[in-house]
Amino acid sequence: MKKFHALSILLAGLLLLSACSVRSDAAELYAQEAPIGAEIKLPETISANDKITVQAVLTQDGKKLEEADFVHFEIWKQDGSARYPMQEAADIGDGVYRLTASFANDGLYYIEVHAGNKGALISPQKQFVVGELSNSDLEALKQGPQKSEGTSGHHH
C-alpha cells in the first residue's frame, strides 16, 4: 500500500511538472511592441515673440507613423520662469505632427514630445535657444540637458 501511495504522489508530481513546461512558441504568443522613433524639428534661429512651427516626425517599424494614439508637446524654460501647458499636436500627415508657439523671453528652453502608439511610448527631449542666452543659461548648457521636473499627468 505504501508503494502505491508513493507511486501516486510521484505520478501526480510529474503530471503537475509537465503542465508547467514552457511552450516552444511562447515568445510568439505575446505581442511584440515596435519602438517609436522621433525627430524633433525646430527653426535654426528663434527670436522672442516670433511665431514658430515645431514638428515631430514619428516612425515605427521603419515607416512613417500616421495616426498615433497620441502626440503632445511640452515646453519649458530652463530657469523655470516659463512653463507652457502640454498641448496636443496637429497631425498634418505622413508621420508629421506640429505645434505653433511663440516665446515672450530670450533664453534656454526645452521641448519634450510625448507620443504613444499600440503600447509603445516615447518622450524625447530637445533643448533650443530663443534670442540671447543669459549667464545662467550658459552655465546650464555646460551642465548638459536636464529632465523635465514633472509633467502635468497622464497624457492621453
Protein backbone atom coordinates (compact mmCIF):
# COMPACT_ATOMS: atom_id res chain seq x y z
CA MET A 1 0.00 0.00 0.00
CA LYS A 2 2.89 2.38 0.79
CA LYS A 3 4.42 1.70 -2.64
CA PHE A 4 1.09 2.53 -4.30
CA HIS A 5 0.83 5.77 -2.28
CA ALA A 6 4.40 6.79 -3.17
CA LEU A 7 3.82 5.94 -6.84
CA SER A 8 0.61 8.01 -6.84
CA ILE A 9 2.44 11.04 -5.43
CA LEU A 10 5.24 10.63 -7.97
CA LEU A 11 2.79 10.44 -10.89
CA ALA A 12 0.83 13.44 -9.62
CA GLY A 13 4.07 15.42 -9.33
CA LEU A 14 5.15 14.51 -12.86
CA LEU A 15 1.73 15.49 -14.17
CA LEU A 16 1.99 18.90 -12.49
CA LEU A 17 5.51 19.50 -13.77
CA SER A 18 4.61 18.57 -17.34
CA ALA A 19 1.70 21.03 -17.26
CA CYS A 20 4.11 23.84 -16.34
CA SER A 21 6.55 23.34 -19.20
CA VAL A 22 7.40 26.28 -21.46
CA ARG A 23 5.95 26.14 -24.92
CA SER A 24 8.48 26.45 -27.72
CA ASP A 25 6.37 29.21 -29.35
CA ALA A 26 5.74 31.14 -26.10
CA ALA A 27 7.54 34.30 -27.28
CA GLU A 28 5.38 34.48 -30.40
CA LEU A 29 2.19 34.34 -28.33
CA TYR A 30 2.91 37.76 -26.81
CA ALA A 31 2.53 40.98 -28.75
CA GLN A 32 5.85 42.45 -29.75
CA GLU A 33 5.71 46.23 -29.49
CA ALA A 34 7.68 48.10 -32.11
CA PRO A 35 9.59 51.11 -30.75
CA ILE A 36 8.67 54.59 -31.93
CA GLY A 37 11.33 56.89 -33.37
CA ALA A 38 11.06 60.68 -33.26
CA GLU A 39 12.92 63.57 -34.84
CA ILE A 40 12.12 66.99 -33.35
CA LYS A 41 12.49 69.82 -35.88
CA LEU A 42 12.82 73.47 -34.87
CA PRO A 43 13.80 76.59 -36.85
CA GLU A 44 17.56 77.27 -36.98
CA THR A 45 17.16 80.63 -35.17
CA ILE A 46 14.29 81.74 -32.95
CA SER A 47 13.70 85.27 -31.65
CA ALA A 48 11.45 86.29 -28.78
CA ASN A 49 7.83 86.88 -29.87
CA ASP A 50 8.34 85.14 -33.24
CA LYS A 51 5.62 82.64 -34.09
CA ILE A 52 7.33 79.35 -34.95
CA THR A 53 6.30 75.87 -36.01
CA VAL A 54 7.71 72.89 -34.15
CA GLN A 55 7.48 69.49 -35.81
CA ALA A 56 7.95 65.92 -34.67
CA VAL A 57 8.45 63.31 -37.37
CA LEU A 58 7.46 59.91 -35.96
CA THR A 59 8.35 56.47 -37.30
CA GLN A 60 7.52 52.94 -36.22
CA ASP A 61 8.62 49.68 -37.85
CA GLY A 62 10.66 51.70 -40.36
CA LYS A 63 7.58 53.54 -41.64
CA LYS A 64 6.13 57.00 -41.03
CA LEU A 65 3.74 56.75 -38.08
CA GLU A 66 0.40 58.10 -39.15
CA GLU A 67 -2.50 58.28 -36.71
CA ALA A 68 -0.54 57.76 -33.49
CA ASP A 69 -2.63 57.12 -30.39
CA PHE A 70 -1.45 60.48 -29.01
CA VAL A 71 1.22 63.14 -29.62
CA HIS A 72 1.67 66.04 -27.18
CA PHE A 73 4.28 68.78 -26.91
CA GLU A 74 5.50 70.15 -23.59
CA ILE A 75 7.78 73.23 -23.43
CA TRP A 76 9.50 74.92 -20.50
CA LYS A 77 12.22 77.49 -19.91
CA GLN A 78 15.42 76.21 -18.31
CA ASP A 79 15.29 78.61 -15.36
CA GLY A 80 11.70 77.62 -14.52
CA SER A 81 10.28 81.09 -15.22
CA ALA A 82 8.01 79.80 -18.00
CA ARG A 83 6.20 76.52 -18.44
CA TYR A 84 3.78 76.09 -21.29
CA PRO A 85 0.86 73.71 -20.80
CA MET A 86 1.08 70.38 -22.60
CA GLN A 87 -0.67 70.69 -25.94
CA GLU A 88 -1.91 68.13 -28.41
CA ALA A 89 -0.02 68.21 -31.70
CA ALA A 90 -1.80 68.59 -35.02
CA ASP A 91 -1.43 65.58 -37.31
CA ILE A 92 -0.53 67.02 -40.72
CA GLY A 93 0.04 63.64 -42.35
CA ASP A 94 2.97 61.48 -43.43
CA GLY A 95 4.05 60.96 -39.81
CA VAL A 96 4.48 64.70 -39.14
CA TYR A 97 2.91 66.31 -36.06
CA ARG A 98 3.18 70.05 -35.42
CA LEU A 99 2.59 72.82 -32.95
CA THR A 100 2.75 76.58 -33.37
CA ALA A 101 4.29 78.51 -30.48
CA SER A 102 5.90 81.82 -29.55
CA PHE A 103 8.14 82.75 -26.63
CA ALA A 104 7.99 86.08 -24.81
CA ASN A 105 11.54 85.96 -23.44
CA ASP A 106 15.03 85.06 -24.58
CA GLY A 107 16.70 82.06 -23.00
CA LEU A 108 17.31 78.34 -22.99
CA TYR A 109 14.20 76.21 -23.47
CA TYR A 110 13.37 72.52 -23.61
CA ILE A 111 10.74 70.73 -25.63
CA GLU A 112 9.54 67.22 -24.89
CA VAL A 113 7.39 65.17 -27.24
CA HIS A 114 5.09 62.64 -25.57
CA ALA A 115 3.92 60.07 -28.12
CA GLY A 116 2.31 56.68 -27.95
CA ASN A 117 1.04 54.05 -30.34
CA LYS A 118 -0.11 50.48 -29.71
CA GLY A 119 1.55 50.27 -26.29
CA ALA A 120 4.86 51.86 -27.32
CA LEU A 121 5.63 55.17 -25.56
CA ILE A 122 8.40 57.73 -26.01
CA SER A 123 9.25 61.13 -24.52
CA PRO A 124 12.32 62.53 -26.29
CA GLN A 125 13.60 65.99 -25.34
CA LYS A 126 15.49 68.68 -27.21
CA GLN A 127 16.94 71.94 -25.95
CA PHE A 128 16.80 75.12 -28.01
CA VAL A 129 17.70 78.78 -27.74
CA VAL A 130 15.41 81.77 -28.11
CA GLY A 131 17.29 85.02 -28.76
CA GLU A 132 20.30 85.57 -26.48
CA LEU A 133 21.44 83.41 -23.58
CA SER A 134 21.99 84.75 -20.05
CA ASN A 135 24.98 83.73 -17.91
CA SER A 136 22.81 81.22 -16.02
CA ASP A 137 21.65 79.76 -19.35
CA LEU A 138 25.28 79.37 -20.46
CA GLU A 139 26.09 77.64 -17.17
CA ALA A 140 23.12 75.28 -17.64
CA LEU A 141 24.39 74.42 -21.13
CA LYS A 142 27.74 73.40 -19.66
CA GLN A 143 25.94 71.04 -17.25
CA GLY A 144 24.06 69.34 -20.09
CA PRO A 145 20.39 68.63 -20.71
CA GLN A 146 18.03 68.34 -17.77
CA LYS A 147 14.96 66.18 -17.40
CA SER A 148 11.52 67.71 -17.09
CA GLU A 149 10.59 68.48 -13.49
CA GLY A 150 7.35 66.63 -13.86
CA THR A 151 4.61 66.64 -16.38
CA SER A 152 1.01 67.54 -15.97
CA GLY A 153 -0.02 63.93 -15.57
CA HIS A 154 -1.40 61.24 -17.82
CA HIS A 155 -1.10 62.32 -21.46
CA HIS A 156 -3.90 60.58 -23.26
